[in-house]
Amino acid sequence: MVDKIWNWQQEDWPNFSYSKKNLEPLEMAYLKASGVSFGIMESLSKEDRSNLAVELICDEAIKTSPTSINKGRYRASSFS
């Protein structure tokens, strides 16, 4: 059985419901990680920040892509 991780995959989409109580710990963990990431970004040079931004965008695009992409080829052809 395939997990339905996206909201649009849920049986009750688009009329789904959620529990704020269940989401609060996840939201707090996200906010904490975001703060750490922001602090790290601030310590980098402008060039390193730009390179990291490209890496993060590429990684997210690859993770969310419905097709298999050769990571190295995708980066080389898109950002060379």
Protein backbone atom coordinates (compact mmCIF):
# COMPACT_ATOMS: atom_id res chain seq x y z
CA MET A 1 0.00 0.00 0.00
CA VAL A 2 1.31 3.44 -0.93
CA ASP A 3 1.22 6.16 1.71
CA LYS A 4 -0.84 9.18 0.73
CA ILE A 5 1.46 11.94 1.94
CA TRP A 6 0.13 14.85 -0.11
CA ASN A 7 -3.06 16.62 0.89
CA TRP A 8 -4.53 16.22 -2.60
CA GLN A 9 -4.12 12.44 -2.32
CA GLN A 10 -6.39 12.21 0.70
CA GLU A 11 -9.85 10.71 0.28
CA ASP A 12 -11.55 13.81 1.68
CA TRP A 13 -9.66 16.28 -0.53
CA PRO A 14 -10.34 19.20 -0.76
CA ASN A 15 -12.56 19.07 2.34
CA PHE A 16 -9.96 17.61 4.68
CA SER A 17 -9.58 18.42 8.35
CA TYR A 18 -6.64 18.53 10.72
CA SER A 19 -5.87 18.79 14.41
CA LYS A 20 -4.06 21.95 15.45
CA LYS A 21 -2.89 20.10 18.58
CA ASN A 22 -1.17 17.44 16.44
CA LEU A 23 0.48 20.01 14.18
CA GLU A 24 1.86 22.33 16.89
CA PRO A 25 4.93 20.18 17.75
CA LEU A 26 5.78 19.86 14.06
CA GLU A 27 5.37 23.60 13.56
CA MET A 28 7.66 24.35 16.50
CA ALA A 29 10.32 21.94 15.20
CA TYR A 30 10.10 23.59 11.78
CA LEU A 31 10.45 27.07 13.26
CA LYS A 32 13.46 26.00 15.31
CA ALA A 33 15.15 24.41 12.30
CA SER A 34 14.35 27.48 10.20
CA GLY A 35 16.03 29.71 12.78
CA VAL A 36 19.14 27.55 12.79
CA SER A 37 19.20 27.54 8.99
CA PHE A 38 18.79 31.30 8.89
CA GLY A 39 21.67 31.74 11.33
CA ILE A 40 23.91 29.52 9.24
CA MET A 41 22.97 31.39 6.06
CA GLU A 42 23.84 34.71 7.68
CA SER A 43 27.36 33.47 8.45
CA LEU A 44 28.08 32.61 4.79
CA SER A 45 29.50 34.87 2.12
CA LYS A 46 27.14 36.20 -0.54
CA GLU A 47 28.54 33.73 -3.08
CA ASP A 48 28.20 30.78 -0.69
CA ARG A 49 24.61 31.81 0.13
CA SER A 50 23.79 31.89 -3.57
CA ASN A 51 25.38 28.48 -4.13
CA LEU A 52 23.52 27.02 -1.15
CA ALA A 53 20.23 28.48 -2.39
CA VAL A 54 20.75 26.80 -5.77
CA GLU A 55 21.54 23.49 -4.06
CA LEU A 56 18.44 23.70 -1.87
CA ILE A 57 16.18 24.59 -4.79
CA CYS A 58 17.61 21.75 -6.89
CA ASP A 59 17.24 19.25 -4.08
CA GLU A 60 13.62 20.28 -3.51
CA ALA A 61 12.83 20.12 -7.22
CA ILE A 62 14.34 16.65 -7.46
CA LYS A 63 12.51 15.41 -4.35
CA THR A 64 9.15 16.66 -5.56
CA SER A 65 9.57 15.69 -9.20
CA PRO A 66 7.24 12.90 -10.32
CA THR A 67 9.89 11.59 -12.69
CA SER A 68 13.37 10.28 -12.04
CA ILE A 69 16.04 12.85 -12.78
CA ASN A 70 19.74 12.25 -12.90
CA LYS A 71 20.75 14.71 -10.18
CA GLY A 72 24.18 15.50 -11.58
CA ARG A 73 22.98 15.89 -15.15
CA TYR A 74 20.05 18.10 -14.04
CA ARG A 75 22.29 20.46 -12.11
CA ALA A 76 24.93 20.61 -14.81
CA SER A 77 22.45 21.35 -17.59
CA SER A 78 20.39 23.84 -15.58
CA PHE A 79 22.97 25.87 -13.73
CA SER A 80 26.22 25.76 -15.67
